Amino acid sequence: FGCTFADVEVDIALCKVKLNKIINVHDCGSLINPALAEAQVHGGMSMAIGYGMSEQLLFDEKTGKPLNYKLSTFMDHPHLEAQFVENPEPTSPFGTKALGEPPACSGAPAIRNAILNATGVAIDCTPITPHVLFAEFSKAGLIHDSWNEKEGN
């Protein structure tokens, strides 16, 4: 079991989200190697940032070749914090629990919910790119597309 808390700043006019901090808390069972567990969770949070904010694989419809693939890098990451709740697992020989995939699962929804909390706009797709934000903010009436308004659209 685990959860993620995301702190974001949203620039509605520019359709940009800045991640300030992500805290990931996990029930790890018995914590045997704290440094390795923290590194594992940081890796999962890195994956979650990519899922939530940037990783969108587009293909050329004619050739099937990938057109892009933007992985998040260290420069895309805010302060990452891992915390643990130790609740030993009786069926595991050392009382441990999984830390491989769980940290990657709750990050994107936490980012989405932080954006919802900041703007009141619920976004139902990932990644949450500036293009997605523009469409959703326009639909919600937070921003106006003056080019389309001039054309009467």
Protein backbone atom coordinates (compact mmCIF):
# COMPACT_ATOMS: atom_id res chain seq x y z
CA PHE A 1 0.00 0.00 0.00
CA GLY A 2 1.15 3.52 -0.68
CA CYS A 3 0.13 7.03 -1.55
CA THR A 4 1.54 10.13 -3.17
CA PHE A 5 1.16 13.80 -2.38
CA ALA A 6 2.01 16.36 -5.07
CA ASP A 7 2.53 20.09 -4.65
CA VAL A 8 2.14 22.00 -7.93
CA GLU A 9 1.98 25.52 -9.29
CA VAL A 10 -0.29 25.99 -12.31
CA ASP A 11 0.17 28.88 -14.73
CA ILE A 12 -3.24 28.90 -16.39
CA ALA A 13 -2.37 31.51 -19.02
CA LEU A 14 0.73 29.59 -20.17
CA CYS A 15 -0.87 26.15 -19.64
CA LYS A 16 2.09 24.96 -17.62
CA VAL A 17 2.41 22.94 -14.45
CA LYS A 18 5.45 23.16 -12.20
CA LEU A 19 5.97 20.31 -9.77
CA ASN A 20 7.31 21.72 -6.51
CA LYS A 21 7.45 18.58 -4.41
CA ILE A 22 6.30 14.98 -4.41
CA ILE A 23 6.08 12.86 -1.27
CA ASN A 24 5.58 9.13 -1.67
CA VAL A 25 4.67 7.08 1.42
CA HIS A 26 4.69 3.28 1.34
CA ASP A 27 3.96 0.37 3.62
CA CYS A 28 7.18 -1.51 2.93
CA GLY A 29 6.83 -4.23 5.51
CA SER A 30 10.14 -4.55 7.33
CA LEU A 31 12.65 -2.00 6.02
CA ILE A 32 15.92 -3.86 5.54
CA ASN A 33 17.97 -1.43 3.42
CA PRO A 34 16.66 2.15 3.79
CA ALA A 35 18.97 3.69 1.17
CA LEU A 36 18.05 1.10 -1.46
CA ALA A 37 14.35 1.38 -0.63
CA GLU A 38 14.51 5.17 -1.00
CA ALA A 39 16.31 4.84 -4.34
CA GLN A 40 13.68 2.36 -5.53
CA VAL A 41 10.86 4.74 -4.60
CA HIS A 42 12.64 7.67 -6.26
CA GLY A 43 12.85 5.62 -9.46
CA GLY A 44 9.13 4.89 -9.30
CA MET A 45 8.35 8.57 -8.70
CA SER A 46 10.47 9.44 -11.73
CA MET A 47 8.41 7.03 -13.82
CA ALA A 48 5.20 8.55 -12.42
CA ILE A 49 6.31 12.07 -13.35
CA GLY A 50 6.87 10.86 -16.90
CA TYR A 51 3.51 9.09 -17.01
CA GLY A 52 1.72 12.13 -15.67
CA MET A 53 3.48 14.99 -17.39
CA SER A 54 5.41 14.12 -20.54
CA GLU A 55 5.60 10.57 -21.85
CA GLN A 56 3.48 10.45 -24.96
CA LEU A 57 4.58 8.16 -27.75
CA LEU A 58 3.35 9.27 -31.16
CA PHE A 59 3.73 7.21 -34.35
CA ASP A 60 3.82 8.13 -38.03
CA GLU A 61 0.59 6.66 -39.40
CA LYS A 62 2.21 5.72 -42.73
CA THR A 63 5.46 4.17 -41.55
CA GLY A 64 4.69 3.17 -37.98
CA LYS A 65 7.95 4.78 -36.82
CA PRO A 66 7.97 6.62 -33.52
CA LEU A 67 7.93 10.39 -33.96
CA ASN A 68 8.88 11.32 -30.41
CA TYR A 69 9.41 10.05 -26.93
CA LYS A 70 10.06 12.47 -24.08
CA LEU A 71 11.38 10.83 -20.94
CA SER A 72 11.48 12.92 -17.81
CA THR A 73 14.98 13.78 -16.68
CA PHE A 74 16.52 15.08 -13.48
CA MET A 75 15.78 18.60 -14.73
CA ASP A 76 12.05 17.78 -14.78
CA HIS A 77 12.01 16.58 -11.18
CA PRO A 78 11.14 18.56 -8.10
CA HIS A 79 12.19 17.59 -4.60
CA LEU A 80 11.37 13.88 -4.25
CA GLU A 81 10.71 12.51 -0.79
CA ALA A 82 10.18 8.89 0.19
CA GLN A 83 8.70 7.90 3.53
CA PHE A 84 7.98 4.46 4.86
CA VAL A 85 5.51 2.80 7.19
CA GLU A 86 6.90 -0.44 8.56
CA ASN A 87 4.20 -3.05 8.94
CA PRO A 88 5.91 -6.49 8.67
CA GLU A 89 4.35 -9.01 6.29
CA PRO A 90 3.92 -12.35 8.12
CA THR A 91 3.96 -14.42 4.91
CA SER A 92 7.32 -13.01 3.74
CA PRO A 93 10.50 -14.64 5.08
CA PHE A 94 11.99 -11.26 6.06
CA GLY A 95 8.70 -9.39 6.58
CA THR A 96 9.19 -7.28 3.43
CA LYS A 97 6.64 -6.02 0.90
CA ALA A 98 6.90 -4.86 -2.71
CA LEU A 99 8.55 -1.55 -3.60
CA GLY A 100 9.15 -2.14 -7.31
CA GLU A 101 5.98 -0.99 -9.06
CA PRO A 102 3.86 0.60 -6.30
CA PRO A 103 5.73 3.95 -6.25
CA ALA A 104 5.00 4.43 -9.97
CA CYS A 105 1.23 3.91 -9.60
CA SER A 106 -0.03 6.85 -7.56
CA GLY A 107 2.17 9.70 -8.82
CA ALA A 108 0.27 10.63 -12.00
CA PRO A 109 -3.12 10.64 -10.21
CA ALA A 110 -1.61 12.76 -7.42
CA ILE A 111 -0.36 15.30 -9.98
CA ARG A 112 -3.78 15.27 -11.66
CA ASN A 113 -5.55 15.82 -8.33
CA ALA A 114 -3.17 18.64 -7.38
CA ILE A 115 -4.02 20.36 -10.69
CA LEU A 116 -7.73 19.82 -9.94
CA ASN A 117 -7.28 21.30 -6.46
CA ALA A 118 -5.43 24.34 -7.87
CA THR A 119 -7.73 25.06 -10.83
CA GLY A 120 -11.03 23.25 -10.35
CA VAL A 121 -10.46 21.52 -13.70
CA ALA A 122 -10.61 17.70 -13.75
CA ILE A 123 -8.37 16.22 -16.43
CA ASP A 124 -9.07 12.63 -17.46
CA CYS A 125 -6.06 11.75 -19.61
CA THR A 126 -2.31 11.46 -19.39
CA PRO A 127 0.16 12.85 -20.03
CA ILE A 128 -1.03 16.25 -18.88
CA THR A 129 0.82 18.31 -21.49
CA PRO A 130 0.36 22.02 -22.24
CA HIS A 131 -1.85 21.01 -25.20
CA VAL A 132 -4.16 19.06 -22.89
CA LEU A 133 -4.19 21.90 -20.37
CA PHE A 134 -5.04 24.42 -23.10
CA ALA A 135 -7.99 22.35 -24.28
CA GLU A 136 -9.30 21.70 -20.76
CA PHE A 137 -8.78 25.27 -19.51
CA SER A 138 -10.51 26.60 -22.65
CA LYS A 139 -13.44 24.21 -22.14
CA ALA A 140 -13.71 25.34 -18.52
CA GLY A 141 -13.67 29.01 -19.54
CA LEU A 142 -10.43 29.78 -17.71
CA ILE A 143 -8.70 30.95 -20.89
CA HIS A 144 -9.98 32.19 -24.22
CA ASP A 145 -8.58 31.43 -27.66
CA SER A 146 -8.68 34.86 -29.29
CA TRP A 147 -7.74 33.43 -32.70
CA ASN A 148 -10.80 31.18 -32.80
CA GLU A 149 -13.03 33.90 -31.31
CA LYS A 150 -12.08 36.24 -34.19
CA GLU A 151 -13.16 33.59 -36.68
CA GLY A 152 -16.45 33.05 -34.86
CA ASN A 153 -15.62 29.50 -33.74
